[in-house]
Amino acid sequence: MNHFMNTEIYSNLIKICGAKNVSKSTKILKSYSRDLSFFPGKLPIYVVWPKT
């Protein structure tokens, strides 16, 4: 995924969910990159907390 596409996606996520509900902070991304499975985790590009 190229930089322009990443920037556009990030901007759209903020428009849809609000800036408080979207993160690309390394600390947050690392905390969402793993679970209890035996498969290795993968760092996400963004974390989104949508509201209903």
N, C-alpha and C. Protein backbone atom coordinates (compact mmCIF):
# COMPACT_ATOMS: atom_id res chain seq x y z
N MET A 1 0.86 -1.17 0.00
CA MET A 1 0.00 0.00 0.00
C MET A 1 0.90 1.24 0.00
N ASN A 2 0.64 2.17 -0.88
CA ASN A 2 1.51 3.34 -0.98
C ASN A 2 1.14 4.41 0.05
N HIS A 3 2.03 5.37 0.21
CA HIS A 3 1.86 6.42 1.23
C HIS A 3 0.59 7.23 1.00
N PHE A 4 0.30 7.60 -0.26
CA PHE A 4 -0.90 8.38 -0.56
C PHE A 4 -2.15 7.63 -0.14
N MET A 5 -2.19 6.34 -0.46
CA MET A 5 -3.36 5.54 -0.11
C MET A 5 -3.51 5.44 1.41
N ASN A 6 -2.39 5.25 2.13
CA ASN A 6 -2.43 5.21 3.59
C ASN A 6 -2.96 6.51 4.16
N THR A 7 -2.49 7.64 3.64
CA THR A 7 -2.92 8.95 4.12
C THR A 7 -4.41 9.15 3.85
N GLU A 8 -4.86 8.75 2.68
CA GLU A 8 -6.27 8.89 2.33
C GLU A 8 -7.15 8.01 3.23
N ILE A 9 -6.73 6.79 3.46
CA ILE A 9 -7.49 5.89 4.33
C ILE A 9 -7.56 6.45 5.74
N TYR A 10 -6.42 6.91 6.25
CA TYR A 10 -6.37 7.48 7.60
C TYR A 10 -7.30 8.69 7.72
N SER A 11 -7.27 9.57 6.75
CA SER A 11 -8.14 10.75 6.75
C SER A 11 -9.62 10.36 6.73
N ASN A 12 -9.96 9.37 5.92
CA ASN A 12 -11.35 8.92 5.85
C ASN A 12 -11.79 8.25 7.15
N LEU A 13 -10.91 7.48 7.77
CA LEU A 13 -11.26 6.87 9.06
C LEU A 13 -11.55 7.95 10.11
N ILE A 14 -10.75 9.00 10.12
CA ILE A 14 -10.97 10.10 11.06
C ILE A 14 -12.29 10.80 10.77
N LYS A 15 -12.61 11.02 9.49
CA LYS A 15 -13.89 11.65 9.13
C LYS A 15 -15.07 10.80 9.58
N ILE A 16 -14.96 9.50 9.43
CA ILE A 16 -16.06 8.59 9.75
C ILE A 16 -16.18 8.34 11.25
N CYS A 17 -15.06 8.07 11.92
CA CYS A 17 -15.08 7.62 13.32
C CYS A 17 -14.68 8.70 14.32
N GLY A 18 -14.07 9.78 13.85
CA GLY A 18 -13.59 10.83 14.75
C GLY A 18 -12.14 10.58 15.14
N ALA A 19 -11.39 11.67 15.34
CA ALA A 19 -9.96 11.57 15.62
C ALA A 19 -9.65 10.81 16.91
N LYS A 20 -10.55 10.88 17.89
CA LYS A 20 -10.31 10.18 19.16
C LYS A 20 -10.45 8.67 19.01
N ASN A 21 -11.05 8.22 17.91
CA ASN A 21 -11.35 6.80 17.73
C ASN A 21 -10.46 6.11 16.70
N VAL A 22 -9.39 6.78 16.27
CA VAL A 22 -8.46 6.21 15.30
C VAL A 22 -7.05 6.45 15.81
N SER A 23 -6.20 5.44 15.74
CA SER A 23 -4.83 5.61 16.22
C SER A 23 -3.84 4.94 15.28
N LYS A 24 -2.68 5.59 15.15
CA LYS A 24 -1.55 4.96 14.47
C LYS A 24 -0.31 5.06 15.36
N SER A 25 -0.56 5.22 16.66
CA SER A 25 0.50 5.26 17.67
C SER A 25 1.17 3.88 17.77
N THR A 26 2.48 3.86 17.74
CA THR A 26 3.22 2.60 17.81
C THR A 26 2.85 1.80 19.06
N LYS A 27 2.70 2.48 20.17
CA LYS A 27 2.35 1.81 21.43
C LYS A 27 0.98 1.11 21.30
N ILE A 28 0.02 1.79 20.75
CA ILE A 28 -1.32 1.21 20.56
C ILE A 28 -1.27 0.07 19.54
N LEU A 29 -0.59 0.30 18.43
CA LEU A 29 -0.50 -0.74 17.39
C LEU A 29 0.12 -2.01 17.93
N LYS A 30 1.18 -1.88 18.73
CA LYS A 30 1.82 -3.06 19.32
C LYS A 30 0.87 -3.81 20.25
N SER A 31 0.06 -3.07 21.01
CA SER A 31 -0.84 -3.74 21.95
C SER A 31 -1.97 -4.49 21.22
N TYR A 32 -2.28 -4.10 19.98
CA TYR A 32 -3.31 -4.77 19.20
C TYR A 32 -2.73 -5.76 18.19
N SER A 33 -1.43 -6.01 18.25
CA SER A 33 -0.80 -6.88 17.26
C SER A 33 -0.73 -8.34 17.68
N ARG A 34 -1.23 -8.65 18.85
CA ARG A 34 -1.14 -10.05 19.31
C ARG A 34 -2.41 -10.45 20.06
N ASP A 35 -2.59 -11.76 20.14
CA ASP A 35 -3.70 -12.31 20.90
C ASP A 35 -3.22 -13.61 21.55
N LEU A 36 -4.14 -14.46 21.96
CA LEU A 36 -3.77 -15.68 22.67
C LEU A 36 -3.48 -16.86 21.75
N SER A 37 -3.53 -16.65 20.45
CA SER A 37 -3.25 -17.76 19.54
C SER A 37 -1.75 -18.03 19.47
N PHE A 38 -1.40 -19.15 18.87
CA PHE A 38 0.01 -19.52 18.75
C PHE A 38 0.65 -18.92 17.50
N PHE A 39 -0.12 -18.23 16.67
CA PHE A 39 0.42 -17.58 15.48
C PHE A 39 1.11 -16.28 15.87
N PRO A 40 2.20 -15.94 15.19
CA PRO A 40 2.88 -14.68 15.50
C PRO A 40 2.00 -13.49 15.14
N GLY A 41 2.10 -12.45 15.93
CA GLY A 41 1.30 -11.26 15.68
C GLY A 41 1.83 -10.46 14.51
N LYS A 42 0.98 -9.58 14.01
CA LYS A 42 1.37 -8.70 12.91
C LYS A 42 0.91 -7.29 13.27
N LEU A 43 1.79 -6.32 13.11
CA LEU A 43 1.49 -4.95 13.46
C LEU A 43 0.44 -4.39 12.49
N PRO A 44 -0.69 -3.91 13.01
CA PRO A 44 -1.70 -3.32 12.13
C PRO A 44 -1.25 -1.95 11.64
N ILE A 45 -1.90 -1.45 10.60
CA ILE A 45 -1.58 -0.11 10.10
C ILE A 45 -2.27 0.93 10.98
N TYR A 46 -3.52 0.67 11.35
CA TYR A 46 -4.29 1.56 12.22
C TYR A 46 -5.11 0.72 13.18
N VAL A 47 -5.53 1.34 14.27
CA VAL A 47 -6.50 0.75 15.18
C VAL A 47 -7.69 1.70 15.20
N VAL A 48 -8.89 1.14 15.06
CA VAL A 48 -10.11 1.95 15.02
C VAL A 48 -11.07 1.44 16.07
N TRP A 49 -11.64 2.37 16.85
CA TRP A 49 -12.66 2.04 17.85
C TRP A 49 -13.95 2.72 17.41
N PRO A 50 -14.74 2.08 16.54
CA PRO A 50 -15.98 2.71 16.07
C PRO A 50 -17.04 2.72 17.16
N LYS A 51 -17.92 3.66 17.07
CA LYS A 51 -19.07 3.75 17.97
C LYS A 51 -20.29 3.26 17.21
N THR A 52 -21.27 2.73 17.95
CA THR A 52 -22.48 2.26 17.27
C THR A 52 -23.50 3.36 17.18
